[in-house]
Amino acid sequence: MSMLLSGLVEKVKELSYREKLKLAQKLIQMACIEEERLNSASQAEEMETIKKRLLKSKPTKYDALTNFIKAMYNFNGGIEDAKVTKIIEDLQKSKFIRLDKNKVEYLTIEKTLSK
């Protein structure tokens, strides 16, 4: 345990049980906020990776798109269908793709390739 942490533990021992509970609640809230921030950054990176790989493969049918995304996660224990659906929704919201019935159209190919 670091010196700073040891000092904090000694100070916390002086608190009443209610103060300890309030402190614990505040620390949990702070940790959750930090975790959300880190997750949102990693989700943005994940989405960029998906987009880059999709541009290389360009599946043109909806089923091929879902299978492609699932295949990306095979080595990480797989992915739930709901998460695949969410990724596809996010790709549509960001105007990366458009779905027309069963067909996938890539909307940002020209913009992405010109970068």
Foldseek 3Di string as FASTA:
>chain_A
DDPVVVVVVVVLVPDDVVVNVVVVVVVVVVVVVVVVVVVVVVVVVVLVVLLVVCLVVVDWFQVVQLVVVQVVCVVVVTDDPVVSVVSVVVCVVVQQWDDDPGTIGGRCNVVVVVD
